[in-house]
N, C-alpha and C. Protein backbone atom coordinates (compact mmCIF):
# COMPACT_ATOMS: atom_id res chain seq x y z
N UNK A 1 -34.73 -41.35 16.83
CA UNK A 1 -35.24 -40.20 16.10
C UNK A 1 -34.69 -38.90 16.67
N UNK A 2 -34.74 -38.75 17.99
CA UNK A 2 -34.24 -37.55 18.65
C UNK A 2 -32.74 -37.39 18.40
N UNK A 3 -32.01 -38.49 18.41
CA UNK A 3 -30.57 -38.47 18.17
C UNK A 3 -30.25 -37.92 16.78
N UNK A 4 -30.99 -38.33 15.77
CA UNK A 4 -30.73 -37.86 14.41
C UNK A 4 -31.06 -36.39 14.24
N UNK A 5 -32.06 -35.89 14.96
CA UNK A 5 -32.39 -34.46 14.91
C UNK A 5 -31.27 -33.65 15.55
N UNK A 6 -30.75 -34.11 16.70
CA UNK A 6 -29.65 -33.40 17.37
C UNK A 6 -28.39 -33.41 16.51
N UNK A 7 -28.10 -34.53 15.87
CA UNK A 7 -26.93 -34.61 15.01
C UNK A 7 -27.07 -33.68 13.81
N UNK A 8 -28.27 -33.62 13.25
CA UNK A 8 -28.52 -32.75 12.10
C UNK A 8 -28.35 -31.29 12.52
N UNK A 9 -28.89 -30.91 13.67
CA UNK A 9 -28.75 -29.55 14.18
C UNK A 9 -27.28 -29.22 14.45
N UNK A 10 -26.55 -30.15 15.00
CA UNK A 10 -25.12 -29.95 15.28
C UNK A 10 -24.34 -29.74 13.99
N UNK A 11 -24.64 -30.54 12.98
CA UNK A 11 -23.96 -30.40 11.68
C UNK A 11 -24.26 -29.05 11.04
N UNK A 12 -25.50 -28.62 11.11
CA UNK A 12 -25.88 -27.33 10.54
C UNK A 12 -25.16 -26.20 11.28
N UNK A 13 -25.10 -26.29 12.59
CA UNK A 13 -24.40 -25.27 13.39
C UNK A 13 -22.92 -25.23 13.04
N UNK A 14 -22.29 -26.38 12.93
CA UNK A 14 -20.87 -26.42 12.57
C UNK A 14 -20.62 -25.86 11.17
N UNK A 15 -21.48 -26.18 10.23
CA UNK A 15 -21.36 -25.65 8.88
C UNK A 15 -21.51 -24.13 8.89
N UNK A 16 -22.47 -23.63 9.64
CA UNK A 16 -22.69 -22.19 9.75
C UNK A 16 -21.45 -21.49 10.33
N UNK A 17 -20.88 -22.06 11.39
CA UNK A 17 -19.69 -21.47 12.00
C UNK A 17 -18.50 -21.50 11.05
N UNK A 18 -18.36 -22.55 10.28
CA UNK A 18 -17.28 -22.65 9.31
C UNK A 18 -17.42 -21.58 8.23
N UNK A 19 -18.63 -21.38 7.75
CA UNK A 19 -18.88 -20.36 6.73
C UNK A 19 -18.54 -18.97 7.26
N UNK A 20 -18.95 -18.67 8.48
CA UNK A 20 -18.65 -17.37 9.08
C UNK A 20 -17.15 -17.19 9.23
N UNK A 21 -16.45 -18.20 9.70
CA UNK A 21 -15.00 -18.11 9.90
C UNK A 21 -14.27 -17.90 8.59
N UNK A 22 -14.72 -18.52 7.53
CA UNK A 22 -14.06 -18.38 6.23
C UNK A 22 -14.32 -17.03 5.59
N UNK A 23 -15.45 -16.41 5.87
CA UNK A 23 -15.79 -15.14 5.26
C UNK A 23 -15.33 -13.93 6.07
N UNK A 24 -14.85 -14.14 7.27
CA UNK A 24 -14.42 -13.04 8.13
C UNK A 24 -13.21 -12.34 7.53
N UNK A 25 -13.19 -11.01 7.58
CA UNK A 25 -12.07 -10.23 7.06
C UNK A 25 -10.81 -10.56 7.85
N UNK A 26 -9.71 -10.75 7.13
CA UNK A 26 -8.45 -11.05 7.81
C UNK A 26 -7.95 -9.78 8.49
N UNK A 27 -7.62 -9.89 9.75
CA UNK A 27 -7.12 -8.76 10.52
C UNK A 27 -5.67 -8.95 10.91
N UNK A 28 -5.00 -9.84 10.26
CA UNK A 28 -3.63 -10.12 10.66
C UNK A 28 -2.66 -9.25 9.87
N UNK A 29 -2.35 -8.10 10.42
CA UNK A 29 -1.36 -7.20 9.85
C UNK A 29 -0.07 -7.34 10.65
N UNK A 30 1.04 -7.02 10.03
CA UNK A 30 2.34 -7.13 10.69
C UNK A 30 2.48 -6.16 11.86
N UNK A 31 2.03 -4.92 11.67
CA UNK A 31 2.33 -3.87 12.64
C UNK A 31 1.20 -2.87 12.76
N UNK A 32 1.25 -2.13 13.86
CA UNK A 32 0.43 -0.95 14.04
C UNK A 32 1.39 0.23 14.05
N UNK A 33 1.05 1.29 13.34
CA UNK A 33 1.94 2.44 13.27
C UNK A 33 1.15 3.74 13.28
N UNK A 34 1.90 4.84 13.39
CA UNK A 34 1.29 6.17 13.38
C UNK A 34 2.00 7.02 12.34
N UNK A 35 1.24 7.44 11.34
CA UNK A 35 1.78 8.37 10.34
C UNK A 35 1.70 9.75 10.97
N UNK A 36 2.85 10.41 11.12
CA UNK A 36 2.89 11.66 11.89
C UNK A 36 2.97 12.92 11.05
N UNK A 37 3.24 12.80 9.77
CA UNK A 37 3.26 13.99 8.92
C UNK A 37 4.25 13.87 7.78
N UNK A 38 4.38 14.95 7.03
CA UNK A 38 5.23 14.99 5.84
C UNK A 38 6.67 15.30 6.19
N UNK A 39 7.56 14.81 5.34
CA UNK A 39 8.99 15.14 5.42
C UNK A 39 9.22 16.28 4.44
N UNK A 40 9.39 17.49 4.97
CA UNK A 40 9.55 18.67 4.12
C UNK A 40 11.01 19.00 3.83
N UNK A 41 11.93 18.16 4.26
CA UNK A 41 13.34 18.45 4.00
C UNK A 41 13.60 18.44 2.50
N UNK A 42 14.58 19.24 2.09
CA UNK A 42 14.91 19.36 0.67
C UNK A 42 16.29 18.72 0.43
N UNK A 43 16.29 17.45 0.13
CA UNK A 43 17.54 16.76 -0.20
C UNK A 43 17.21 15.58 -1.11
N UNK A 44 18.23 14.95 -1.63
CA UNK A 44 18.02 13.87 -2.60
C UNK A 44 17.28 12.68 -1.98
N UNK A 45 17.51 12.39 -0.73
CA UNK A 45 16.90 11.22 -0.09
C UNK A 45 15.74 11.60 0.82
N UNK A 46 15.25 12.81 0.70
CA UNK A 46 14.18 13.29 1.58
C UNK A 46 12.83 13.19 0.88
N UNK A 47 11.80 13.54 1.62
CA UNK A 47 10.46 13.54 1.08
C UNK A 47 9.67 12.33 1.55
N UNK A 48 8.37 12.41 1.39
CA UNK A 48 7.50 11.34 1.82
C UNK A 48 6.82 11.68 3.13
N UNK A 49 6.46 10.66 3.88
CA UNK A 49 5.76 10.85 5.15
C UNK A 49 6.47 10.03 6.23
N UNK A 50 6.49 10.58 7.43
CA UNK A 50 7.06 9.88 8.58
C UNK A 50 6.02 8.91 9.14
N UNK A 51 6.48 7.72 9.49
CA UNK A 51 5.62 6.76 10.18
C UNK A 51 6.41 6.14 11.32
N UNK A 52 5.79 6.07 12.47
CA UNK A 52 6.42 5.50 13.66
C UNK A 52 5.85 4.10 13.88
N UNK A 53 6.73 3.10 13.84
CA UNK A 53 6.34 1.70 14.07
C UNK A 53 7.25 1.16 15.16
N UNK A 54 6.67 0.74 16.26
CA UNK A 54 7.44 0.18 17.38
C UNK A 54 8.57 1.11 17.81
N UNK A 55 8.26 2.40 17.89
CA UNK A 55 9.20 3.44 18.35
C UNK A 55 10.38 3.65 17.41
N UNK A 56 10.27 3.20 16.16
CA UNK A 56 11.27 3.45 15.13
C UNK A 56 10.60 4.31 14.06
N UNK A 57 11.29 5.36 13.61
CA UNK A 57 10.73 6.25 12.59
C UNK A 57 11.23 5.82 11.22
N UNK A 58 10.27 5.65 10.30
CA UNK A 58 10.55 5.29 8.92
C UNK A 58 9.97 6.36 8.02
N UNK A 59 10.34 6.31 6.74
CA UNK A 59 9.73 7.16 5.72
C UNK A 59 9.01 6.28 4.72
N UNK A 60 7.85 6.76 4.27
CA UNK A 60 7.12 6.08 3.20
C UNK A 60 6.91 7.08 2.07
N UNK A 61 6.97 6.59 0.84
CA UNK A 61 6.77 7.45 -0.32
C UNK A 61 5.31 7.49 -0.77
N UNK A 62 4.63 6.36 -0.64
CA UNK A 62 3.25 6.28 -1.12
C UNK A 62 2.54 5.13 -0.43
N UNK A 63 1.24 5.09 -0.63
CA UNK A 63 0.41 4.02 -0.09
C UNK A 63 -0.23 3.27 -1.25
N UNK A 64 -0.59 2.01 -1.05
CA UNK A 64 -1.29 1.29 -2.11
C UNK A 64 -2.59 2.01 -2.48
N UNK A 65 -2.93 2.00 -3.75
CA UNK A 65 -4.13 2.71 -4.24
C UNK A 65 -5.39 2.25 -3.55
N UNK A 66 -5.48 0.96 -3.21
CA UNK A 66 -6.69 0.43 -2.59
C UNK A 66 -6.82 0.77 -1.11
N UNK A 67 -5.89 1.55 -0.57
CA UNK A 67 -5.93 1.88 0.86
C UNK A 67 -7.03 2.88 1.21
N UNK A 68 -7.45 3.69 0.27
CA UNK A 68 -8.45 4.74 0.51
C UNK A 68 -7.99 5.76 1.55
N UNK A 69 -6.69 5.91 1.72
CA UNK A 69 -6.13 6.93 2.60
C UNK A 69 -5.43 7.94 1.72
N UNK A 70 -5.82 9.21 1.82
CA UNK A 70 -5.21 10.27 1.04
C UNK A 70 -4.35 11.11 1.98
N UNK A 71 -3.04 10.87 1.94
CA UNK A 71 -2.14 11.55 2.87
C UNK A 71 -2.06 13.06 2.62
N UNK A 72 -2.44 13.50 1.43
CA UNK A 72 -2.43 14.94 1.14
C UNK A 72 -3.53 15.68 1.90
N UNK A 73 -4.59 14.98 2.28
CA UNK A 73 -5.71 15.65 2.95
C UNK A 73 -5.95 15.16 4.37
N UNK A 74 -5.17 14.20 4.84
CA UNK A 74 -5.37 13.65 6.20
C UNK A 74 -4.97 14.66 7.26
N UNK A 75 -5.59 14.53 8.42
CA UNK A 75 -5.19 15.26 9.60
C UNK A 75 -4.31 14.33 10.43
N UNK A 76 -3.08 14.75 10.67
CA UNK A 76 -2.11 13.90 11.38
C UNK A 76 -2.19 14.13 12.87
N UNK A 77 -1.88 13.13 13.67
CA UNK A 77 -1.40 11.80 13.33
C UNK A 77 -2.52 10.87 12.89
N UNK A 78 -2.16 9.86 12.09
CA UNK A 78 -3.09 8.85 11.59
C UNK A 78 -2.60 7.49 12.08
N UNK A 79 -3.41 6.81 12.86
CA UNK A 79 -3.05 5.48 13.34
C UNK A 79 -3.53 4.44 12.34
N UNK A 80 -2.64 3.53 11.99
CA UNK A 80 -2.92 2.55 10.95
C UNK A 80 -2.39 1.18 11.38
N UNK A 81 -2.91 0.14 10.73
CA UNK A 81 -2.27 -1.16 10.80
C UNK A 81 -1.80 -1.47 9.39
N UNK A 82 -0.65 -2.12 9.28
CA UNK A 82 -0.05 -2.26 7.96
C UNK A 82 0.88 -3.46 7.86
N UNK A 83 1.06 -3.89 6.61
CA UNK A 83 2.10 -4.83 6.23
C UNK A 83 3.11 -4.01 5.44
N UNK A 84 4.39 -4.23 5.67
CA UNK A 84 5.42 -3.42 5.03
C UNK A 84 6.71 -4.19 4.91
N UNK A 85 7.63 -3.63 4.11
CA UNK A 85 8.98 -4.20 4.03
C UNK A 85 9.98 -3.06 3.92
N UNK A 86 11.12 -3.27 4.52
CA UNK A 86 12.20 -2.30 4.51
C UNK A 86 12.86 -2.31 3.14
N UNK A 87 13.13 -1.13 2.61
CA UNK A 87 13.81 -1.04 1.31
C UNK A 87 15.13 -0.32 1.51
N UNK A 88 16.11 -0.68 0.72
CA UNK A 88 17.39 0.03 0.76
C UNK A 88 17.53 0.78 -0.55
N UNK A 89 17.74 2.08 -0.44
CA UNK A 89 17.87 2.90 -1.64
C UNK A 89 19.21 3.61 -1.69
N UNK A 90 20.15 3.21 -0.83
CA UNK A 90 21.48 3.81 -0.86
C UNK A 90 21.59 5.09 -0.06
N UNK A 91 20.51 5.52 0.56
CA UNK A 91 20.53 6.75 1.34
C UNK A 91 20.71 6.42 2.82
N UNK A 92 21.52 7.19 3.49
CA UNK A 92 21.67 6.99 4.93
C UNK A 92 20.65 7.87 5.65
N UNK A 93 20.50 7.68 6.92
CA UNK A 93 19.52 8.46 7.69
C UNK A 93 18.30 7.63 7.96
N UNK A 94 17.15 8.17 7.66
CA UNK A 94 15.90 7.46 7.92
C UNK A 94 15.77 6.24 7.01
N UNK A 95 15.23 5.19 7.57
CA UNK A 95 14.93 3.99 6.80
C UNK A 95 13.65 4.20 6.03
N UNK A 96 13.62 3.71 4.83
CA UNK A 96 12.40 3.78 4.01
C UNK A 96 11.74 2.42 3.99
N UNK A 97 10.41 2.45 3.94
CA UNK A 97 9.66 1.21 3.83
C UNK A 97 8.70 1.31 2.65
N UNK A 98 8.33 0.17 2.14
CA UNK A 98 7.26 0.06 1.15
C UNK A 98 6.06 -0.51 1.88
N UNK A 99 4.93 0.16 1.76
CA UNK A 99 3.70 -0.30 2.39
C UNK A 99 3.01 -1.26 1.44
N UNK A 100 2.80 -2.48 1.90
CA UNK A 100 2.17 -3.51 1.08
C UNK A 100 0.67 -3.53 1.23
N UNK A 101 0.21 -3.29 2.47
CA UNK A 101 -1.23 -3.29 2.79
C UNK A 101 -1.39 -2.40 4.01
N UNK A 102 -2.45 -1.59 4.02
CA UNK A 102 -2.63 -0.65 5.13
C UNK A 102 -4.12 -0.41 5.36
N UNK A 103 -4.46 -0.17 6.62
CA UNK A 103 -5.84 0.13 6.97
C UNK A 103 -5.83 1.13 8.12
N UNK A 104 -6.65 2.15 7.98
CA UNK A 104 -6.77 3.19 9.01
C UNK A 104 -7.56 2.65 10.20
N UNK A 105 -7.08 2.93 11.39
CA UNK A 105 -7.80 2.50 12.61
C UNK A 105 -8.68 3.61 13.13
């Protein structure tokens, strides 16, 4: 009798832990970066915002709508974690990235 109660309690505990693990927000982002401000240069390949990721400076044009980060009103620097990909647009100089997912830290 005692054995079946312990087994039942163990199963309930394992089920509870599994549910918690499955519902936990995913925190696995590719990188941590710092958005440092706007690119005010006036040229064909300029504009956007500077972001420093692993000591490399990139430019971003926009953020996903669901990010809830408004770069027009933010106080820089802004530390973020993000998923991104490098894009080639034919311009030399700073590398541009597309932000796929981002969260403010």
